[in-house]
Amino acid sequence: MNTEKIITDLHQIKLSFNEPLSQFTYTKTGGPADCLLFPKSTEEVKEIIDYCNEENIEWLCLGNASNLIVSDGGIAGFVIMLSELNQVTITENTIIADAGAKLIDVTKEALNVDLSGLEFACGIPGSIGGAAYMNAGAYGGELVDVFESAEIILEDGNIVTYHKEDMDFSYRHSVLQSMKGIVLNVTFTLEHGDHTEIKAKMDELTHLRESKQPLEYPSCGSVFKRPEGYFTGKLIQDANLQGLKWGGAQISTKHAGFIVNIDHATATDYVELIQHIQEVILKEFGVTLEPEVRVIGREK
């Protein structure tokens, strides 16, 4: 990678080279990015994508890095972080949130103007773009419930608008998972509500989350999708796996559906423990656990 050329060609964009991604991921694991970029606008995102196409450079976009595992070998090419693309605009009952805005922050913005519909997401740590990518949900609500549309930049650099019917939403799934593109912003349609009731619901869900999830440790959130007819945590408990340590990673003693970093875990620790859980659950109960968390990057 010609670092001097990249610095010259993309001189207006904040970037760095060989940056450890462990400082950005929620698991606190992950090797370096060849080149890490922080665009501040849609125009800068497009400039990066166009440049990658011209120079034949691989690229990958990370949201809030909360529900993924970056391999110990890091990521080749450009890694685009959208944390500085984070504006939120509210008009009547509509919220337009940039992809890098944190979902938790957007729920607070909705509360401030007495808009209801996003209460379920008040504890989800992902970004708006990541939430759209996986149809994030909790406590009976999903992003699809309030999603209106999204602006997306495609692999060829064209910017398009996808409406709800274009997104192929289902449980922890959207069309974005089968295409290469970057969500730039999402438009939500909410309902006017009572401030006290909205806040009470958010407080209730926050308390529930804090009491049941191991928020005191780094983790990648819920590791597996819920298999039909079962509860993942219960399966792991019944297999006597809860509390199992694998290197520096451990199946949480507080919630068996989480794997936490208790002692300088590596991405390899996480991946091997996930595979071990899958093997044991399949053997014991004949149930296939499908990861909710994504594993990305190159071999070390």
Protein backbone atom coordinates (compact mmCIF):
# COMPACT_ATOMS: atom_id res chain seq x y z
CA MET A 1 0.00 0.00 0.00
CA ASN A 2 1.44 3.33 -1.11
CA THR A 3 0.85 5.38 2.03
CA GLU A 4 2.33 8.61 0.70
CA LYS A 5 0.09 8.52 -2.38
CA ILE A 6 -2.99 7.85 -0.27
CA ILE A 7 -2.17 10.71 2.10
CA THR A 8 -1.71 13.05 -0.87
CA ASP A 9 -4.77 11.91 -2.80
CA LEU A 10 -7.11 11.88 0.23
CA HIS A 11 -5.50 14.76 2.10
CA GLN A 12 -8.81 16.19 3.37
CA ILE A 13 -9.89 12.94 5.02
CA LYS A 14 -8.77 11.87 8.50
CA LEU A 15 -6.87 8.59 8.20
CA SER A 16 -4.13 6.48 9.76
CA PHE A 17 -2.20 3.32 8.91
CA ASN A 18 -1.74 0.00 10.75
CA GLU A 19 -4.10 1.14 13.49
CA PRO A 20 -5.08 -1.63 15.96
CA LEU A 21 -8.83 -2.14 15.70
CA SER A 22 -8.96 -3.50 19.26
CA GLN A 23 -9.29 0.09 20.47
CA PHE A 24 -12.59 0.44 18.59
CA THR A 25 -14.27 -2.98 18.95
CA TYR A 26 -16.56 -3.77 21.86
CA THR A 27 -14.70 -7.03 22.48
CA LYS A 28 -11.39 -5.11 22.74
CA THR A 29 -9.89 -7.59 20.27
CA GLY A 30 -8.75 -7.34 16.67
CA GLY A 31 -5.60 -6.76 14.65
CA PRO A 32 -4.65 -3.67 12.62
CA ALA A 33 -6.36 -2.03 9.68
CA ASP A 34 -4.04 -1.39 6.74
CA CYS A 35 -5.65 2.04 6.44
CA LEU A 36 -8.34 3.40 8.76
CA LEU A 37 -10.47 6.32 7.52
CA PHE A 38 -12.95 8.60 9.29
CA PRO A 39 -15.12 10.44 6.75
CA LYS A 40 -17.14 13.36 8.10
CA SER A 41 -19.69 13.63 5.30
CA THR A 42 -21.50 11.74 2.57
CA GLU A 43 -19.22 13.44 0.05
CA GLU A 44 -16.13 12.07 1.79
CA VAL A 45 -17.59 8.55 1.88
CA LYS A 46 -18.22 8.76 -1.86
CA GLU A 47 -14.71 10.09 -2.44
CA ILE A 48 -13.28 7.06 -0.60
CA ILE A 49 -15.40 4.54 -2.53
CA ASP A 50 -14.57 6.16 -5.87
CA TYR A 51 -10.88 6.15 -4.94
CA CYS A 52 -10.99 2.46 -4.02
CA ASN A 53 -12.59 1.67 -7.37
CA GLU A 54 -9.97 3.70 -9.25
CA GLU A 55 -7.01 2.24 -7.34
CA ASN A 56 -8.41 -1.31 -6.96
CA ILE A 57 -8.29 -1.18 -3.14
CA GLU A 58 -10.40 -3.49 -0.97
CA TRP A 59 -12.66 -1.74 1.52
CA LEU A 60 -14.90 -2.56 4.44
CA CYS A 61 -17.17 -0.35 6.53
CA LEU A 62 -17.45 -0.75 10.29
CA GLY A 63 -20.29 0.75 12.27
CA ASN A 64 -19.91 0.94 16.02
CA ALA A 65 -18.02 -2.40 16.01
CA SER A 66 -20.35 -3.70 18.71
CA ASN A 67 -21.72 -6.93 17.25
CA LEU A 68 -18.69 -8.25 15.43
CA ILE A 69 -15.30 -9.85 15.96
CA VAL A 70 -12.29 -8.55 14.04
CA SER A 71 -9.71 -11.29 13.52
CA ASP A 72 -6.28 -11.06 15.12
CA GLY A 73 -4.80 -10.61 11.64
CA GLY A 74 -6.72 -7.37 11.19
CA ILE A 75 -8.31 -6.16 7.96
CA ALA A 76 -6.67 -5.63 4.59
CA GLY A 77 -7.22 -2.50 2.53
CA PHE A 78 -9.37 0.42 3.67
CA VAL A 79 -11.49 0.24 6.81
CA ILE A 80 -14.11 3.00 6.85
CA MET A 81 -15.36 4.11 10.27
CA LEU A 82 -18.47 6.29 10.27
CA SER A 83 -18.30 7.53 13.87
CA GLU A 84 -17.85 11.15 12.70
CA LEU A 85 -20.85 10.91 10.35
CA ASN A 86 -23.32 11.31 13.21
CA GLN A 87 -25.82 14.13 12.66
CA VAL A 88 -29.44 13.70 13.77
CA THR A 89 -32.27 15.84 12.35
CA ILE A 90 -35.83 15.85 13.71
CA THR A 91 -38.86 17.23 11.86
CA GLU A 92 -42.29 16.69 13.42
CA ASN A 93 -42.52 12.88 13.80
CA THR A 94 -39.56 12.05 11.54
CA ILE A 95 -35.95 11.47 12.54
CA ILE A 96 -33.13 11.35 10.00
CA ALA A 97 -29.99 9.91 11.60
CA ASP A 98 -26.58 9.56 9.98
CA ALA A 99 -25.21 6.03 9.88
CA GLY A 100 -22.49 6.73 12.44
CA ALA A 101 -24.87 8.09 15.06
CA LYS A 102 -25.25 5.78 18.04
CA LEU A 103 -28.64 4.12 18.31
CA ILE A 104 -28.76 4.81 22.05
CA ASP A 105 -28.21 8.53 21.42
CA VAL A 106 -30.99 8.62 18.83
CA THR A 107 -33.43 7.06 21.30
CA LYS A 108 -32.57 9.87 23.74
CA GLU A 109 -33.14 12.47 21.01
CA ALA A 110 -36.56 10.91 20.37
CA LEU A 111 -37.38 11.08 24.08
CA ASN A 112 -36.39 14.75 24.22
CA VAL A 113 -39.11 15.61 21.69
CA ASP A 114 -41.68 13.10 23.00
CA LEU A 115 -41.49 10.72 20.04
CA SER A 116 -42.38 7.08 20.69
CA GLY A 117 -41.35 3.92 18.85
CA LEU A 118 -37.64 3.58 19.58
CA GLU A 119 -37.91 2.70 23.27
CA PHE A 120 -36.93 -0.93 22.58
CA ALA A 121 -33.53 0.26 21.31
CA CYS A 122 -32.55 2.39 24.31
CA GLY A 123 -29.86 -0.10 25.36
CA ILE A 124 -28.63 -1.39 22.00
CA PRO A 125 -24.99 -0.22 21.63
CA GLY A 126 -24.74 -0.28 17.83
CA SER A 127 -24.70 2.48 15.25
CA ILE A 128 -27.66 3.45 13.08
CA GLY A 129 -26.03 1.89 10.02
CA GLY A 130 -25.27 -1.33 11.86
CA ALA A 131 -28.79 -1.45 13.26
CA ALA A 132 -30.22 -1.24 9.73
CA TYR A 133 -27.75 -3.87 8.50
CA MET A 134 -28.98 -6.47 11.00
CA ASN A 135 -32.51 -5.23 11.76
CA ALA A 136 -31.48 -4.72 15.36
CA GLY A 137 -34.06 -5.49 17.99
CA ALA A 138 -34.74 -6.16 21.65
CA TYR A 139 -37.65 -6.66 24.03
CA GLY A 140 -40.24 -7.21 21.33
CA GLY A 141 -39.22 -4.36 19.03
CA GLU A 142 -37.18 -4.26 15.82
CA LEU A 143 -35.83 -1.53 13.59
CA VAL A 144 -38.25 -2.55 10.84
CA ASP A 145 -41.11 -1.31 13.05
CA VAL A 146 -40.06 2.34 12.65
CA PHE A 147 -37.91 2.23 9.50
CA GLU A 148 -39.00 4.49 6.64
CA SER A 149 -36.00 4.58 4.27
CA ALA A 150 -32.22 4.67 4.01
CA GLU A 151 -29.71 6.35 1.76
CA ILE A 152 -27.10 3.82 0.65
CA ILE A 153 -23.93 4.20 -1.37
CA LEU A 154 -23.41 1.18 -3.58
CA GLU A 155 -20.14 -0.51 -4.47
CA ASP A 156 -19.97 1.45 -7.74
CA GLY A 157 -20.27 4.78 -5.90
CA ASN A 158 -23.89 5.48 -6.83
CA ILE A 159 -26.18 6.69 -4.04
CA VAL A 160 -29.68 5.21 -3.89
CA THR A 161 -32.67 5.29 -1.55
CA TYR A 162 -34.05 2.02 -0.19
CA HIS A 163 -37.53 2.00 1.33
CA LYS A 164 -38.80 -0.55 3.82
CA GLU A 165 -40.09 -2.86 1.09
CA ASP A 166 -36.62 -2.89 -0.52
CA MET A 167 -34.83 -3.98 2.65
CA ASP A 168 -36.04 -7.59 2.93
CA PHE A 169 -36.15 -7.27 6.71
CA SER A 170 -36.55 -10.38 8.85
CA TYR A 171 -35.16 -11.55 12.19
CA ARG A 172 -31.64 -10.05 12.44
CA HIS A 173 -31.51 -9.80 8.65
CA SER A 174 -31.67 -7.24 5.87
CA VAL A 175 -30.80 -7.14 2.18
CA LEU A 176 -27.62 -5.28 3.15
CA GLN A 177 -26.10 -8.57 4.26
CA SER A 178 -26.14 -9.90 0.70
CA MET A 179 -24.74 -6.82 -1.04
CA LYS A 180 -21.77 -4.48 -0.73
CA GLY A 181 -22.75 -0.97 0.19
CA ILE A 182 -22.72 1.56 3.01
CA VAL A 183 -25.73 3.01 4.77
CA LEU A 184 -25.33 6.79 4.88
CA ASN A 185 -28.44 7.67 6.88
CA VAL A 186 -31.76 6.24 8.00
CA THR A 187 -35.17 7.92 8.21
CA PHE A 188 -37.50 6.81 11.01
CA THR A 189 -41.20 7.51 11.32
CA LEU A 190 -42.32 7.68 14.95
CA GLU A 191 -45.45 8.66 16.85
CA HIS A 192 -46.01 11.54 19.24
CA GLY A 193 -46.35 10.23 22.77
CA ASP A 194 -46.35 11.13 26.43
CA HIS A 195 -42.87 12.04 27.71
CA THR A 196 -43.41 10.41 31.11
CA GLU A 197 -44.61 7.14 29.58
CA ILE A 198 -41.77 7.01 27.05
CA LYS A 199 -39.16 7.66 29.74
CA ALA A 200 -40.72 5.09 32.08
CA LYS A 201 -40.53 2.44 29.36
CA MET A 202 -36.91 3.29 28.58
CA ASP A 203 -36.00 3.23 32.28
CA GLU A 204 -37.69 -0.15 32.66
CA LEU A 205 -35.82 -1.68 29.71
CA THR A 206 -32.52 -0.13 30.82
CA HIS A 207 -32.91 -1.64 34.29
CA LEU A 208 -33.81 -5.01 32.76
CA ARG A 209 -30.74 -4.93 30.54
CA GLU A 210 -28.38 -3.84 33.31
CA SER A 211 -29.67 -6.54 35.65
CA LYS A 212 -29.39 -9.39 33.14
CA GLN A 213 -26.47 -8.56 30.84
CA PRO A 214 -22.72 -8.51 31.68
CA LEU A 215 -22.17 -4.86 30.85
CA GLU A 216 -19.18 -4.68 33.19
CA TYR A 217 -17.02 -6.61 30.69
CA PRO A 218 -16.13 -6.10 27.02
CA SER A 219 -18.30 -8.32 24.82
CA CYS A 220 -19.79 -8.57 21.34
CA GLY A 221 -23.35 -8.55 22.63
CA SER A 222 -25.68 -11.45 22.01
CA VAL A 223 -23.54 -14.09 20.27
CA PHE A 224 -26.19 -16.33 18.68
CA LYS A 225 -29.52 -15.84 17.01
CA ARG A 226 -32.40 -17.38 18.91
CA PRO A 227 -33.16 -20.82 17.43
CA GLU A 228 -36.84 -21.43 16.83
CA GLY A 229 -38.44 -23.05 19.84
CA TYR A 230 -35.45 -22.57 22.15
CA PHE A 231 -33.62 -20.02 24.27
CA THR A 232 -29.91 -19.93 23.52
CA GLY A 233 -28.86 -19.11 27.07
CA LYS A 234 -30.92 -22.00 28.45
CA LEU A 235 -29.36 -24.46 25.99
CA ILE A 236 -25.86 -23.34 27.01
CA GLN A 237 -26.76 -23.63 30.69
CA ASP A 238 -28.28 -27.09 30.22
CA ALA A 239 -25.07 -28.20 28.47
CA ASN A 240 -23.12 -27.09 31.58
CA LEU A 241 -21.12 -24.61 29.54
CA GLN A 242 -21.90 -21.42 31.44
CA GLY A 243 -18.75 -19.98 32.97
CA LEU A 244 -16.45 -21.92 30.63
CA LYS A 245 -13.18 -20.07 29.98
CA TRP A 246 -11.29 -20.26 26.70
CA GLY A 247 -8.06 -18.31 26.78
CA GLY A 248 -9.08 -14.85 27.95
CA ALA A 249 -12.72 -15.27 26.90
CA GLN A 250 -15.51 -16.68 29.04
CA ILE A 251 -19.17 -17.62 28.65
CA SER A 252 -20.71 -15.04 30.95
CA THR A 253 -21.78 -16.25 34.37
CA LYS A 254 -24.46 -13.54 34.31
CA HIS A 255 -26.00 -14.33 30.91
CA ALA A 256 -25.00 -17.49 29.04
CA GLY A 257 -25.82 -15.91 25.68
CA PHE A 258 -22.83 -13.58 26.02
CA ILE A 259 -19.09 -14.18 25.73
CA VAL A 260 -17.02 -11.67 27.70
CA ASN A 261 -13.39 -10.63 27.59
CA ILE A 262 -12.14 -11.22 31.13
CA ASP A 263 -8.37 -11.40 30.59
CA HIS A 264 -6.87 -9.96 27.40
CA ALA A 265 -8.80 -12.31 25.13
CA THR A 266 -7.91 -12.60 21.46
CA ALA A 267 -10.29 -12.84 18.54
CA THR A 268 -9.12 -16.44 18.17
CA ASP A 269 -10.28 -17.15 21.74
CA TYR A 270 -13.72 -15.83 20.82
CA VAL A 271 -13.99 -17.73 17.55
CA GLU A 272 -12.82 -21.04 19.02
CA LEU A 273 -15.20 -20.71 21.97
CA ILE A 274 -18.11 -19.95 19.63
CA GLN A 275 -17.27 -23.04 17.56
CA HIS A 276 -17.01 -25.16 20.71
CA ILE A 277 -20.43 -24.01 21.91
CA GLN A 278 -21.95 -24.82 18.51
CA GLU A 279 -20.42 -28.30 18.50
CA VAL A 280 -21.59 -29.13 22.03
CA ILE A 281 -25.15 -27.82 21.53
CA LEU A 282 -25.51 -29.70 18.24
CA LYS A 283 -24.25 -32.92 19.83
CA GLU A 284 -26.29 -32.59 23.04
CA PHE A 285 -29.59 -31.28 21.67
CA GLY A 286 -29.44 -31.52 17.87
CA VAL A 287 -29.84 -27.74 17.64
CA THR A 288 -27.75 -25.65 15.25
CA LEU A 289 -26.79 -22.28 16.71
CA GLU A 290 -26.36 -19.57 14.10
CA PRO A 291 -24.09 -16.70 15.13
CA GLU A 292 -25.61 -13.25 15.36
CA VAL A 293 -22.12 -11.80 15.64
CA ARG A 294 -20.05 -11.38 12.47
CA VAL A 295 -16.41 -12.48 12.24
CA ILE A 296 -14.39 -10.42 9.77
CA GLY A 297 -10.76 -9.97 8.78
CA ARG A 298 -7.77 -11.99 7.65
CA GLU A 299 -5.87 -14.85 9.21
CA LYS A 300 -2.96 -13.81 11.38
